[in-house]
Every structure is written in C-alpha cells, then in structure tokens.
Amino acid sequence: MGRHRTVNLADPPRFRRKGSRYYYDAGGTPRRWISLGGDYLDALRRYADLEGAPAPPPATFAAAAERWAAEHLRTVAPKTAQEYRAALARLRTVFDCVPLAAITPSDVRRYMDLRPAIAGTREKAALSALINWARARGLMDGPNPAAGIRGVKARRTRYVSDAEFSAVRAHAGELLRDALDLLLLVPHNPADVLRLRRDDIRDGALHLRRRKTGQPVAIEVEGALAELLARLQAPRPGVASMYLLRTRHGSPPTYWAIRNQFDRARAAALAAGDLRESWQLRDLRAKAASEIGLDHAQALLGHASRVTTEIYRRQRKGQRVKPAR
C-alpha cells in the first residue's frame, strides 16, 4: 500500500506534481509517468481521459490559490505579494479542500468573526481578489461570496508635529537624519526613496516611479529640497556612490536598517522625555500631505484619485475653527 499524501490533498489518485508540471502515475515496474502538461485544468482533463471517468471538481480553493500565487502574485509589488501569501496561508487552513463555488457569504462572515477584526478584513480582501481572478479565468461561475461583506476600516489618525519630528531626529545618527529629512520632503514609500540616485535628478526635478502603482512623479528641486539634495551630494568619507542615501560602503541602506535606527532613536527620545507619544515612519507621508493644499498633496503623493488623498489627510490635524465667543 502506498504512502498517504501529506501535501496536495485535494488532488485525485495517481495525479502527481513535479515542479511546475503534472503527471499521471500509471504504475508498473519500472513506474511509468505520463506527462499531463503544465496547466492545472488541462492536466485534470487529460487525467480524466486516462481514468475513463469524469474529471474531479477542479475549482477547489487550494487549486485556485496555488495557481493564483504562481501566476498573479509575481506581477504585484513584493510587499503586496507578501501580504497576500500570509493571508492565503490563513485562508487555506479553513477553505483548502472546499470548491470555490461552495463558499457562501455566510462562510466568509463566520470566518471574519473568528479572526481579529483587522486581520479578518485583510484576509477577506485577499479571498475576494482570488475569487474575482478565478471567475475571470472560468474556474467558477456565480457571484463573488465575499462581495458586499463589510470589514473594519482601520484609518490611522496620528499627526506628527514639527516638535515630535525634531525630538526623534535629535537622537538619530547622520544616515537616519538624512533619511528622515528626505522622507519628509519626498513623501513616498521608504523602499522607493531609499534607492534614489544622483541621476534621478534631471531637468530641474527629482524623478521617481512608485513601485506599487508604476506612477511616475517629478518633484521640482527648489527650496528645502534643493538644499537637502546639495547636502546629500556633497563629498563624504567612504566609498563614492551614485545613491543619495548611502552607507560608508557606498550601498543604499535597506528599509530595515533605517527602521531599526529609527526605533532606537524614538526609544531614546521617549526615555529622555523629549517625546511623549510614539509615531511611525509611515506617518511622515501623512504629515507632508496634511501640511499642503489638497491638489498639491495629490500630485506630490502620486495619487490617481483625489479621494485617496482626502482619506490620507482626514482626521490628522483636524479643521481649524474660531472659538464660540
């Protein structure tokens, strides 16, 4: 008697996977393997012909999740792919062998009720994206069971004042100070900003492209930004580099290197009493957007939609009003 499967439990008997291809295990001595190709659905159809029986239901959550991960997640931003894979791992513990068409809105709601509110909302979004992808490829018919199910909207409302920014900056080393100054004036994803190069400055503007959306942004080099860029391009000890932010070895700092330095500087500011309430690196993007006009903020942040910028700015500083008397 053969060994029991420990992976790919939704696959039918004698249906095998090797790398990115599928095979029919015809048995015999020596064992004979019949190639079924690299497409999961076509492989199942060929398997059914060899078995002389109807194809087993192909559209299980497990099958769709594996194909979605292989075909779609490599096309999105690395951080987005990482978040989707983490959500898939959770979802597969519940829905792995369930046909996509059998998942109901009440199943989705019950799943979300059993998870922490924010995590459940994010995992529901991943489930919805997967199912929409599967419907477009004929893996299932019918409506998306996750559509219309509301989760929790987590809106961060922290506004960082100039004094709070300065408190952390005062405890930072030279590299972190440069990074904080650049992130405040160029309020984009740190991963994009940390890899900016000298040759990204051309035609009087600093050019960058958002990896998340592919949106290009050109920021005019003037005022405080011009002063900062001149400082960053001045000769320094160590290996010469094309990067605006660089270590002594000439390489750009990683996000986690800057994040660790920031965490230490923030902890030092809190311990010294210079800072009363913690804030995060990502709050700098919202700080910059909150201190300029809406149209300016939308263009600077590279948002395609004005609504996105309004959400970013909402509940940060509050509306300034006159007193009652």
C-alpha atoms as a PDB file:
ATOM      1  CA  MET A   1       0.000   0.000   0.000  1.00  0.00           C
ATOM      2  CA  GLY A   2       1.389   3.403  -0.975  1.00  0.00           C
ATOM      3  CA  ARG A   3       2.116   6.174   1.449  1.00  0.00           C
ATOM      4  CA  HIS A   4      -0.648   8.619   2.316  1.00  0.00           C
ATOM      5  CA  ARG A   5      -0.370  12.102   0.886  1.00  0.00           C
ATOM      6  CA  THR A   6       0.920  14.839   3.126  1.00  0.00           C
ATOM      7  CA  VAL A   7       0.631  17.658   0.545  1.00  0.00           C
ATOM      8  CA  ASN A   8      -1.780  18.495  -2.319  1.00  0.00           C
ATOM      9  CA  LEU A   9      -4.536  16.629  -0.527  1.00  0.00           C
ATOM     10  CA  ALA A  10      -7.175  17.865  -2.972  1.00  0.00           C
ATOM     11  CA  ASP A  11      -5.534  16.086  -5.941  1.00  0.00           C
ATOM     12  CA  PRO A  12      -7.156  12.855  -7.197  1.00  0.00           C
ATOM     13  CA  PRO A  13      -5.404   9.449  -7.012  1.00  0.00           C
ATOM     14  CA  ARG A  14      -2.394   8.923  -9.321  1.00  0.00           C
ATOM     15  CA  PHE A  15      -2.293  12.646 -10.099  1.00  0.00           C
ATOM     16  CA  ARG A  16       1.229  13.846  -9.330  1.00  0.00           C
ATOM     17  CA  ARG A  17       3.103  17.140  -9.351  1.00  0.00           C
ATOM     18  CA  LYS A  18       6.778  17.619 -10.129  1.00  0.00           C
ATOM     19  CA  GLY A  19       7.902  21.204 -10.074  1.00  0.00           C
ATOM     20  CA  SER A  20       5.561  23.210 -12.283  1.00  0.00           C
ATOM     21  CA  ARG A  21       4.253  20.194 -14.275  1.00  0.00           C
ATOM     22  CA  TYR A  22       1.672  17.482 -13.685  1.00  0.00           C
ATOM     23  CA  TYR A  23       1.879  13.736 -14.346  1.00  0.00           C
ATOM     24  CA  TYR A  24      -0.271  10.632 -14.347  1.00  0.00           C
ATOM     25  CA  ASP A  25       1.221   7.795 -12.317  1.00  0.00           C
ATOM     26  CA  ALA A  26       0.481   4.746 -14.488  1.00  0.00           C
ATOM     27  CA  GLY A  27       2.260   2.382 -12.083  1.00  0.00           C
ATOM     28  CA  GLY A  28       4.107  -0.714 -13.300  1.00  0.00           C
ATOM     29  CA  THR A  29       7.740  -1.750 -12.948  1.00  0.00           C
ATOM     30  CA  PRO A  30       9.564   0.405 -13.756  1.00  0.00           C
ATOM     31  CA  ARG A  31       6.950   3.017 -12.894  1.00  0.00           C
ATOM     32  CA  ARG A  32       5.566   4.855 -15.917  1.00  0.00           C
ATOM     33  CA  TRP A  33       4.836   8.571 -15.755  1.00  0.00           C
ATOM     34  CA  ILE A  34       2.593  10.212 -18.367  1.00  0.00           C
ATOM     35  CA  SER A  35       3.033  13.971 -18.726  1.00  0.00           C
ATOM     36  CA  LEU A  36      -0.178  15.970 -18.358  1.00  0.00           C
ATOM     37  CA  GLY A  37       1.353  19.373 -19.093  1.00  0.00           C
ATOM     38  CA  GLY A  38       1.863  22.497 -17.019  1.00  0.00           C
ATOM     39  CA  ASP A  39      -1.700  23.861 -16.858  1.00  0.00           C
ATOM     40  CA  TYR A  40      -3.689  22.546 -13.904  1.00  0.00           C
ATOM     41  CA  LEU A  41      -7.116  22.426 -15.568  1.00  0.00           C
ATOM     42  CA  ASP A  42      -5.808  20.886 -18.795  1.00  0.00           C
ATOM     43  CA  ALA A  43      -3.918  18.348 -16.708  1.00  0.00           C
ATOM     44  CA  LEU A  44      -7.129  17.367 -14.910  1.00  0.00           C
ATOM     45  CA  ARG A  45      -8.963  16.926 -18.203  1.00  0.00           C
ATOM     46  CA  ARG A  46      -6.202  14.669 -19.569  1.00  0.00           C
ATOM     47  CA  TYR A  47      -6.224  12.788 -16.269  1.00  0.00           C
ATOM     48  CA  ALA A  48      -9.967  12.220 -16.652  1.00  0.00           C
ATOM     49  CA  ASP A  49      -9.468  10.832 -20.160  1.00  0.00           C
ATOM     50  CA  LEU A  50      -6.830   8.407 -18.885  1.00  0.00           C
ATOM     51  CA  GLU A  51      -9.026   7.343 -15.977  1.00  0.00           C
ATOM     52  CA  GLY A  52     -12.063   6.981 -18.202  1.00  0.00           C
ATOM     53  CA  ALA A  53     -14.140   8.943 -15.713  1.00  0.00           C
ATOM     54  CA  PRO A  54     -15.456  12.487 -15.327  1.00  0.00           C
ATOM     55  CA  ALA A  55     -12.877  14.990 -14.179  1.00  0.00           C
ATOM     56  CA  PRO A  56     -12.976  15.686 -10.457  1.00  0.00           C
ATOM     57  CA  PRO A  57     -14.095  19.182  -9.488  1.00  0.00           C
ATOM     58  CA  PRO A  58     -11.052  21.304 -10.344  1.00  0.00           C
ATOM     59  CA  ALA A  59     -12.028  24.562  -8.736  1.00  0.00           C
ATOM     60  CA  THR A  60     -11.119  23.902  -5.124  1.00  0.00           C
ATOM     61  CA  PHE A  61      -9.800  26.782  -3.097  1.00  0.00           C
ATOM     62  CA  ALA A  62      -6.426  25.014  -2.859  1.00  0.00           C
ATOM     63  CA  ALA A  63      -6.084  24.663  -6.628  1.00  0.00           C
ATOM     64  CA  ALA A  64      -7.124  28.238  -7.283  1.00  0.00           C
ATOM     65  CA  ALA A  65      -4.842  29.568  -4.527  1.00  0.00           C
ATOM     66  CA  GLU A  66      -1.796  27.750  -5.876  1.00  0.00           C
ATOM     67  CA  ARG A  67      -2.415  28.925  -9.417  1.00  0.00           C
ATOM     68  CA  TRP A  68      -3.150  32.490  -8.261  1.00  0.00           C
ATOM     69  CA  ALA A  69       0.070  32.563  -6.266  1.00  0.00           C
ATOM     70  CA  ALA A  70       2.101  31.231  -9.197  1.00  0.00           C
ATOM     71  CA  GLU A  71       0.574  33.386 -11.946  1.00  0.00           C
ATOM     72  CA  HIS A  72      -0.674  36.590 -10.331  1.00  0.00           C
ATOM     73  CA  LEU A  73       1.345  37.355  -7.226  1.00  0.00           C
ATOM     74  CA  ARG A  74       4.589  37.616  -9.175  1.00  0.00           C
ATOM     75  CA  THR A  75       3.068  40.598 -11.030  1.00  0.00           C
ATOM     76  CA  VAL A  76       2.338  42.705  -7.924  1.00  0.00           C
ATOM     77  CA  ALA A  77       4.649  44.653  -5.629  1.00  0.00           C
ATOM     78  CA  PRO A  78       6.792  42.456  -3.346  1.00  0.00           C
ATOM     79  CA  LYS A  79       5.171  43.763  -0.161  1.00  0.00           C
ATOM     80  CA  THR A  80       1.681  43.227  -1.586  1.00  0.00           C
ATOM     81  CA  ALA A  81       2.609  39.685  -2.616  1.00  0.00           C
ATOM     82  CA  GLN A  82       3.970  39.002   0.862  1.00  0.00           C
ATOM     83  CA  GLU A  83       0.738  40.213   2.481  1.00  0.00           C
ATOM     84  CA  TYR A  84      -1.404  38.124   0.107  1.00  0.00           C
ATOM     85  CA  ARG A  85       0.660  34.991   0.774  1.00  0.00           C
ATOM     86  CA  ALA A  86       0.268  35.465   4.522  1.00  0.00           C
ATOM     87  CA  ALA A  87      -3.496  35.833   4.070  1.00  0.00           C
ATOM     88  CA  LEU A  88      -3.631  32.747   1.832  1.00  0.00           C
ATOM     89  CA  ALA A  89      -1.865  30.667   4.481  1.00  0.00           C
ATOM     90  CA  ARG A  90      -4.613  31.557   6.965  1.00  0.00           C
ATOM     91  CA  LEU A  91      -7.441  31.052   4.493  1.00  0.00           C
ATOM     92  CA  ARG A  92      -6.149  27.633   3.437  1.00  0.00           C
ATOM     93  CA  THR A  93      -6.439  26.298   6.973  1.00  0.00           C
ATOM     94  CA  VAL A  94     -10.225  26.649   6.564  1.00  0.00           C
ATOM     95  CA  PHE A  95     -11.088  26.553   2.858  1.00  0.00           C
ATOM     96  CA  ASP A  96      -8.301  24.411   1.378  1.00  0.00           C
ATOM     97  CA  CYS A  97     -10.362  21.470   0.020  1.00  0.00           C
ATOM     98  CA  VAL A  98     -13.606  23.406  -0.422  1.00  0.00           C
ATOM     99  CA  PRO A  99     -14.786  24.035  -4.022  1.00  0.00           C
ATOM    100  CA  LEU A 100     -14.816  27.750  -4.759  1.00  0.00           C
ATOM    101  CA  ALA A 101     -18.453  27.548  -5.844  1.00  0.00           C
ATOM    102  CA  ALA A 102     -19.401  26.090  -2.451  1.00  0.00           C
ATOM    103  CA  ILE A 103     -18.121  29.065  -0.442  1.00  0.00           C
ATOM    104  CA  THR A 104     -21.072  31.203   0.668  1.00  0.00           C
ATOM    105  CA  PRO A 105     -21.299  34.738   2.034  1.00  0.00           C
ATOM    106  CA  SER A 106     -22.206  33.295   5.451  1.00  0.00           C
ATOM    107  CA  ASP A 107     -18.998  31.220   5.362  1.00  0.00           C
ATOM    108  CA  VAL A 108     -16.986  34.371   4.729  1.00  0.00           C
ATOM    109  CA  ARG A 109     -18.774  36.244   7.509  1.00  0.00           C
ATOM    110  CA  ARG A 110     -18.236  33.419  10.002  1.00  0.00           C
ATOM    111  CA  TYR A 111     -14.553  33.263   9.075  1.00  0.00           C
ATOM    112  CA  MET A 112     -14.173  37.001   9.674  1.00  0.00           C
ATOM    113  CA  ASP A 113     -15.981  36.784  13.016  1.00  0.00           C
ATOM    114  CA  LEU A 114     -13.449  34.198  14.219  1.00  0.00           C
ATOM    115  CA  ARG A 115     -10.447  36.332  13.258  1.00  0.00           C
ATOM    116  CA  PRO A 116      -9.173  39.617  14.743  1.00  0.00           C
ATOM    117  CA  ALA A 117     -11.047  42.471  13.095  1.00  0.00           C
ATOM    118  CA  ILE A 118      -8.195  43.957  11.049  1.00  0.00           C
ATOM    119  CA  ALA A 119      -6.713  40.581  10.080  1.00  0.00           C
ATOM    120  CA  GLY A 120     -10.134  39.241   9.083  1.00  0.00           C
ATOM    121  CA  THR A 121     -10.760  42.264   6.878  1.00  0.00           C
ATOM    122  CA  ARG A 122      -7.424  41.895   5.102  1.00  0.00           C
ATOM    123  CA  GLU A 123      -7.894  38.155   4.591  1.00  0.00           C
ATOM    124  CA  LYS A 124     -11.411  38.720   3.252  1.00  0.00           C
ATOM    125  CA  ALA A 125      -9.931  41.174   0.750  1.00  0.00           C
ATOM    126  CA  ALA A 126      -7.408  38.540  -0.356  1.00  0.00           C
ATOM    127  CA  LEU A 127     -10.192  35.964  -0.697  1.00  0.00           C
ATOM    128  CA  SER A 128     -12.259  38.381  -2.776  1.00  0.00           C
ATOM    129  CA  ALA A 129      -9.308  39.182  -5.063  1.00  0.00           C
ATOM    130  CA  LEU A 130      -8.568  35.488  -5.579  1.00  0.00           C
ATOM    131  CA  ILE A 131     -12.192  34.663  -6.413  1.00  0.00           C
ATOM    132  CA  ASN A 132     -12.512  37.547  -8.868  1.00  0.00           C
ATOM    133  CA  TRP A 133      -9.319  36.317 -10.545  1.00  0.00           C
ATOM    134  CA  ALA A 134     -10.699  32.757 -10.660  1.00  0.00           C
ATOM    135  CA  ARG A 135     -14.064  33.880 -12.107  1.00  0.00           C
ATOM    136  CA  ALA A 136     -12.289  35.736 -14.906  1.00  0.00           C
ATOM    137  CA  ARG A 137     -10.482  32.512 -15.842  1.00  0.00           C
ATOM    138  CA  GLY A 138     -13.510  30.266 -15.797  1.00  0.00           C
ATOM    139  CA  LEU A 139     -12.613  28.424 -12.605  1.00  0.00           C
ATOM    140  CA  MET A 140     -16.041  29.185 -11.175  1.00  0.00           C
ATOM    141  CA  ASP A 141     -19.329  30.823 -12.102  1.00  0.00           C
ATOM    142  CA  GLY A 142     -21.689  32.840  -9.987  1.00  0.00           C
ATOM    143  CA  PRO A 143     -21.161  35.881  -7.802  1.00  0.00           C
ATOM    144  CA  ASN A 144     -18.249  36.525  -5.512  1.00  0.00           C
ATOM    145  CA  PRO A 145     -19.323  35.390  -1.989  1.00  0.00           C
ATOM    146  CA  ALA A 146     -17.048  37.999  -0.397  1.00  0.00           C
ATOM    147  CA  ALA A 147     -18.679  40.899  -2.251  1.00  0.00           C
ATOM    148  CA  GLY A 148     -20.705  43.228  -0.072  1.00  0.00           C
ATOM    149  CA  ILE A 149     -19.376  41.890   3.228  1.00  0.00           C
ATOM    150  CA  ARG A 150     -18.048  44.816   5.176  1.00  0.00           C
ATOM    151  CA  GLY A 151     -14.992  44.669   7.334  1.00  0.00           C
ATOM    152  CA  VAL A 152     -13.281  47.146   9.597  1.00  0.00           C
ATOM    153  CA  LYS A 153     -11.803  50.302   8.142  1.00  0.00           C
ATOM    154  CA  ALA A 154      -8.590  50.997  10.003  1.00  0.00           C
ATOM    155  CA  ARG A 155      -7.698  54.653   9.462  1.00  0.00           C
ATOM    156  CA  ARG A 156      -4.544  55.857  11.175  1.00  0.00           C
ATOM    157  CA  THR A 157      -5.082  59.336  12.574  1.00  0.00           C
ATOM    158  CA  ARG A 158      -1.646  60.107  14.054  1.00  0.00           C
ATOM    159  CA  TYR A 159      -0.300  63.528  13.125  1.00  0.00           C
ATOM    160  CA  VAL A 160       3.397  64.182  13.790  1.00  0.00           C
ATOM    161  CA  SER A 161       4.142  67.744  14.874  1.00  0.00           C
ATOM    162  CA  ASP A 162       7.360  69.529  13.988  1.00  0.00           C
ATOM    163  CA  ALA A 163       8.473  69.248  17.628  1.00  0.00           C
ATOM    164  CA  GLU A 164       7.877  65.464  17.645  1.00  0.00           C
ATOM    165  CA  PHE A 165       9.783  65.086  14.389  1.00  0.00           C
ATOM    166  CA  SER A 166      12.688  67.100  15.767  1.00  0.00           C
ATOM    167  CA  ALA A 167      12.681  65.095  19.015  1.00  0.00           C
ATOM    168  CA  VAL A 168      13.407  61.828  17.205  1.00  0.00           C
ATOM    169  CA  ARG A 169      15.769  63.462  14.714  1.00  0.00           C
ATOM    170  CA  ALA A 170      17.877  64.828  17.579  1.00  0.00           C
ATOM    171  CA  HIS A 171      18.632  61.272  18.723  1.00  0.00           C
ATOM    172  CA  ALA A 172      19.409  59.993  15.205  1.00  0.00           C
ATOM    173  CA  GLY A 173      22.733  59.359  13.544  1.00  0.00           C
ATOM    174  CA  GLU A 174      23.747  61.075  10.306  1.00  0.00           C
ATOM    175  CA  LEU A 175      22.260  58.443   7.972  1.00  0.00           C
ATOM    176  CA  LEU A 176      18.905  58.378   9.770  1.00  0.00           C
ATOM    177  CA  ARG A 177      18.769  62.182   9.894  1.00  0.00           C
ATOM    178  CA  ASP A 178      19.293  62.299   6.134  1.00  0.00           C
ATOM    179  CA  ALA A 179      16.650  59.624   5.606  1.00  0.00           C
ATOM    180  CA  LEU A 180      14.094  61.420   7.811  1.00  0.00           C
ATOM    181  CA  ASP A 181      14.680  64.731   6.029  1.00  0.00           C
ATOM    182  CA  LEU A 182      14.310  63.099   2.604  1.00  0.00           C
ATOM    183  CA  LEU A 183      11.191  61.136   3.573  1.00  0.00           C
ATOM    184  CA  LEU A 184       9.550  64.317   4.816  1.00  0.00           C
ATOM    185  CA  LEU A 185      10.250  66.245   1.614  1.00  0.00           C
ATOM    186  CA  VAL A 186       9.739  63.274  -0.730  1.00  0.00           C
ATOM    187  CA  PRO A 187       6.765  61.553   0.982  1.00  0.00           C
ATOM    188  CA  HIS A 188       6.736  58.210  -0.765  1.00  0.00           C
ATOM    189  CA  ASN A 189       7.269  54.583   0.120  1.00  0.00           C
ATOM    190  CA  PRO A 190      10.592  54.334   2.010  1.00  0.00           C
ATOM    191  CA  ALA A 191      11.716  51.476  -0.248  1.00  0.00           C
ATOM    192  CA  ASP A 192      11.400  53.823  -3.254  1.00  0.00           C
ATOM    193  CA  VAL A 193      13.014  56.816  -1.559  1.00  0.00           C
ATOM    194  CA  LEU A 194      15.985  54.964  -0.061  1.00  0.00           C
ATOM    195  CA  ARG A 195      17.162  53.863  -3.524  1.00  0.00           C
ATOM    196  CA  LEU A 196      17.059  57.278  -5.190  1.00  0.00           C
ATOM    197  CA  ARG A 197      20.189  58.050  -7.208  1.00  0.00           C
ATOM    198  CA  ARG A 198      22.040  61.161  -8.292  1.00  0.00           C
ATOM    199  CA  ASP A 199      20.971  60.578 -11.900  1.00  0.00           C
ATOM    200  CA  ASP A 200      17.315  60.692 -10.804  1.00  0.00           C
ATOM    201  CA  ILE A 201      17.878  64.463 -10.572  1.00  0.00           C
ATOM    202  CA  ARG A 202      17.498  65.886 -14.062  1.00  0.00           C
ATOM    203  CA  ASP A 203      15.797  68.778 -15.823  1.00  0.00           C
ATOM    204  CA  GLY A 204      15.395  70.582 -12.517  1.00  0.00           C
ATOM    205  CA  ALA A 205      13.344  67.808 -10.898  1.00  0.00           C
ATOM    206  CA  LEU A 206      13.783  64.693  -8.780  1.00  0.00           C
ATOM    207  CA  HIS A 207      12.206  61.778 -10.653  1.00  0.00           C
ATOM    208  CA  LEU A 208      10.888  58.604  -9.072  1.00  0.00           C
ATOM    209  CA  ARG A 209       8.421  55.894 -10.012  1.00  0.00           C
ATOM    210  CA  ARG A 210       6.169  54.329  -7.412  1.00  0.00           C
ATOM    211  CA  ARG A 211       6.749  50.579  -7.494  1.00  0.00           C
ATOM    212  CA  LYS A 212       3.298  49.906  -6.086  1.00  0.00           C
ATOM    213  CA  THR A 213       1.400  51.615  -8.922  1.00  0.00           C
ATOM    214  CA  GLY A 214       4.048  52.369 -11.549  1.00  0.00           C
ATOM    215  CA  GLN A 215       3.048  56.045 -11.339  1.00  0.00           C
ATOM    216  CA  PRO A 216       5.941  58.412 -12.219  1.00  0.00           C
ATOM    217  CA  VAL A 217       6.384  61.542 -10.104  1.00  0.00           C
ATOM    218  CA  ALA A 218       8.687  64.502 -10.819  1.00  0.00           C
ATOM    219  CA  ILE A 219       9.292  66.805  -7.829  1.00  0.00           C
ATOM    220  CA  GLU A 220      10.756  70.208  -8.594  1.00  0.00           C
ATOM    221  CA  VAL A 221      14.146  70.781  -6.988  1.00  0.00           C
ATOM    222  CA  GLU A 222      13.765  74.059  -5.123  1.00  0.00           C
ATOM    223  CA  GLY A 223      13.686  75.449  -1.608  1.00  0.00           C
ATOM    224  CA  ALA A 224      14.344  72.993   1.228  1.00  0.00           C
ATOM    225  CA  LEU A 225      14.585  70.047  -1.182  1.00  0.00           C
ATOM    226  CA  ALA A 226      17.319  71.765  -3.214  1.00  0.00           C
ATOM    227  CA  GLU A 227      19.293  72.427  -0.007  1.00  0.00           C
ATOM    228  CA  LEU A 228      18.894  68.825   1.146  1.00  0.00           C
ATOM    229  CA  LEU A 229      19.942  67.348  -2.216  1.00  0.00           C
ATOM    230  CA  ALA A 230      23.013  69.579  -2.305  1.00  0.00           C
ATOM    231  CA  ARG A 231      23.947  68.307   1.157  1.00  0.00           C
ATOM    232  CA  LEU A 232      23.383  64.667   0.195  1.00  0.00           C
ATOM    233  CA  GLN A 233      25.540  65.012  -2.930  1.00  0.00           C
ATOM    234  CA  ALA A 234      28.459  66.674  -1.135  1.00  0.00           C
ATOM    235  CA  PRO A 235      31.642  64.552  -0.873  1.00  0.00           C
ATOM    236  CA  ARG A 236      31.746  62.304   2.202  1.00  0.00           C
ATOM    237  CA  PRO A 237      34.180  59.838   3.727  1.00  0.00           C
ATOM    238  CA  GLY A 238      33.912  56.282   2.481  1.00  0.00           C
ATOM    239  CA  VAL A 239      33.203  54.721  -0.907  1.00  0.00           C
ATOM    240  CA  ALA A 240      31.855  57.045  -3.617  1.00  0.00           C
ATOM    241  CA  SER A 241      28.302  56.171  -4.636  1.00  0.00           C
ATOM    242  CA  MET A 242      25.550  57.126  -7.071  1.00  0.00           C
ATOM    243  CA  TYR A 243      22.924  56.830  -4.314  1.00  0.00           C
ATOM    244  CA  LEU A 244      21.664  59.894  -2.459  1.00  0.00           C
ATOM    245  CA  LEU A 245      21.473  57.920   0.780  1.00  0.00           C
ATOM    246  CA  ARG A 246      24.393  55.574   1.188  1.00  0.00           C
ATOM    247  CA  THR A 247      26.283  53.657   3.798  1.00  0.00           C
ATOM    248  CA  ARG A 248      30.016  54.069   4.223  1.00  0.00           C
ATOM    249  CA  HIS A 249      30.395  51.156   1.787  1.00  0.00           C
ATOM    250  CA  GLY A 250      28.518  53.078  -0.940  1.00  0.00           C
ATOM    251  CA  SER A 251      25.395  50.909  -0.963  1.00  0.00           C
ATOM    252  CA  PRO A 252      21.903  52.271  -0.261  1.00  0.00           C
ATOM    253  CA  PRO A 253      20.521  51.489   3.190  1.00  0.00           C
ATOM    254  CA  THR A 254      17.788  48.880   3.412  1.00  0.00           C
ATOM    255  CA  TYR A 255      14.387  49.719   4.834  1.00  0.00           C
ATOM    256  CA  TRP A 256      15.014  47.538   7.875  1.00  0.00           C
ATOM    257  CA  ALA A 257      18.371  49.169   8.574  1.00  0.00           C
ATOM    258  CA  ILE A 258      16.671  52.573   8.657  1.00  0.00           C
ATOM    259  CA  ARG A 259      13.712  51.167  10.583  1.00  0.00           C
ATOM    260  CA  ASN A 260      15.976  49.716  13.286  1.00  0.00           C
ATOM    261  CA  GLN A 261      17.848  53.002  13.625  1.00  0.00           C
ATOM    262  CA  PHE A 262      14.540  54.858  13.810  1.00  0.00           C
ATOM    263  CA  ASP A 263      13.207  52.533  16.513  1.00  0.00           C
ATOM    264  CA  ARG A 264      16.319  53.154  18.625  1.00  0.00           C
ATOM    265  CA  ALA A 265      16.168  56.933  18.159  1.00  0.00           C
ATOM    266  CA  ARG A 266      12.448  57.004  19.020  1.00  0.00           C
ATOM    267  CA  ALA A 267      13.033  54.898  22.141  1.00  0.00           C
ATOM    268  CA  ALA A 268      15.814  57.263  23.202  1.00  0.00           C
ATOM    269  CA  ALA A 269      13.546  60.303  22.691  1.00  0.00           C
ATOM    270  CA  LEU A 270      10.788  58.679  24.756  1.00  0.00           C
ATOM    271  CA  ALA A 271      13.217  57.704  27.525  1.00  0.00           C
ATOM    272  CA  ALA A 272      14.638  61.223  27.651  1.00  0.00           C
ATOM    273  CA  GLY A 273      11.182  62.758  27.888  1.00  0.00           C
ATOM    274  CA  ASP A 274      11.652  64.625  24.600  1.00  0.00           C
ATOM    275  CA  LEU A 275       8.762  62.682  23.059  1.00  0.00           C
ATOM    276  CA  ARG A 276       5.508  61.885  24.861  1.00  0.00           C
ATOM    277  CA  GLU A 277       3.783  59.703  22.254  1.00  0.00           C
ATOM    278  CA  SER A 278       5.256  57.250  19.752  1.00  0.00           C
ATOM    279  CA  TRP A 279       4.975  57.696  15.996  1.00  0.00           C
ATOM    280  CA  GLN A 280       5.964  55.645  12.960  1.00  0.00           C
ATOM    281  CA  LEU A 281       7.967  56.241   9.796  1.00  0.00           C
ATOM    282  CA  ARG A 282       4.852  55.919   7.656  1.00  0.00           C
ATOM    283  CA  ASP A 283       3.327  58.908   9.482  1.00  0.00           C
ATOM    284  CA  LEU A 284       5.740  61.220   7.647  1.00  0.00           C
ATOM    285  CA  ARG A 285       3.846  60.689   4.390  1.00  0.00           C
ATOM    286  CA  ALA A 286       0.595  61.790   6.014  1.00  0.00           C
ATOM    287  CA  LYS A 287       2.353  64.693   7.771  1.00  0.00           C
ATOM    288  CA  ALA A 288       3.577  66.048   4.451  1.00  0.00           C
ATOM    289  CA  ALA A 289       0.136  65.632   2.855  1.00  0.00           C
ATOM    290  CA  SER A 290      -1.597  67.352   5.774  1.00  0.00           C
ATOM    291  CA  GLU A 291       0.514  70.497   5.615  1.00  0.00           C
ATOM    292  CA  ILE A 292      -0.096  71.488   1.987  1.00  0.00           C
ATOM    293  CA  GLY A 293      -3.132  72.033  -0.219  1.00  0.00           C
ATOM    294  CA  LEU A 294      -5.211  69.098  -1.436  1.00  0.00           C
ATOM    295  CA  ASP A 295      -4.286  69.445  -5.123  1.00  0.00           C
ATOM    296  CA  HIS A 296      -0.613  69.830  -4.262  1.00  0.00           C
ATOM    297  CA  ALA A 297      -0.771  66.797  -1.957  1.00  0.00           C
ATOM    298  CA  GLN A 298      -2.446  64.628  -4.607  1.00  0.00           C
ATOM    299  CA  ALA A 299       0.236  65.451  -7.181  1.00  0.00           C
ATOM    300  CA  LEU A 300       3.110  65.086  -4.710  1.00  0.00           C
ATOM    301  CA  LEU A 301       1.944  61.729  -3.362  1.00  0.00           C
ATOM    302  CA  GLY A 302       1.211  60.392  -6.865  1.00  0.00           C
ATOM    303  CA  HIS A 303      -2.419  59.505  -6.143  1.00  0.00           C
ATOM    304  CA  ALA A 304      -4.581  58.887  -9.203  1.00  0.00           C
ATOM    305  CA  SER A 305      -7.734  59.646  -7.194  1.00  0.00           C
ATOM    306  CA  ARG A 306      -8.445  62.786  -5.193  1.00  0.00           C
ATOM    307  CA  VAL A 307     -10.487  60.669  -2.787  1.00  0.00           C
ATOM    308  CA  THR A 308      -7.373  58.674  -1.854  1.00  0.00           C
ATOM    309  CA  THR A 309      -5.594  61.883  -0.899  1.00  0.00           C
ATOM    310  CA  GLU A 310      -8.584  63.099   1.100  1.00  0.00           C
ATOM    311  CA  ILE A 311      -8.604  59.833   3.066  1.00  0.00           C
ATOM    312  CA  TYR A 312      -4.888  60.235   3.718  1.00  0.00           C
ATOM    313  CA  ARG A 313      -5.375  63.749   5.110  1.00  0.00           C
ATOM    314  CA  ARG A 314      -8.612  63.141   7.025  1.00  0.00           C
ATOM    315  CA  GLN A 315      -8.522  63.247  10.815  1.00  0.00           C
ATOM    316  CA  ARG A 316      -4.833  64.101  11.019  1.00  0.00           C
ATOM    317  CA  LYS A 317      -4.702  67.758  12.052  1.00  0.00           C
ATOM    318  CA  GLY A 318      -8.403  68.486  12.391  1.00  0.00           C
ATOM    319  CA  GLN A 319     -10.226  71.504  10.985  1.00  0.00           C
ATOM    320  CA  ARG A 320      -9.150  74.860  12.401  1.00  0.00           C
ATOM    321  CA  VAL A 321     -12.174  76.842  13.611  1.00  0.00           C
ATOM    322  CA  LYS A 322     -12.952  80.036  15.511  1.00  0.00           C
ATOM    323  CA  PRO A 323     -13.989  79.818  19.189  1.00  0.00           C
ATOM    324  CA  ALA A 324     -17.658  80.182  20.123  1.00  0.00           C
ATOM    325  CA  ARG A 325     -17.066  83.605  21.716  1.00  0.00           C
END
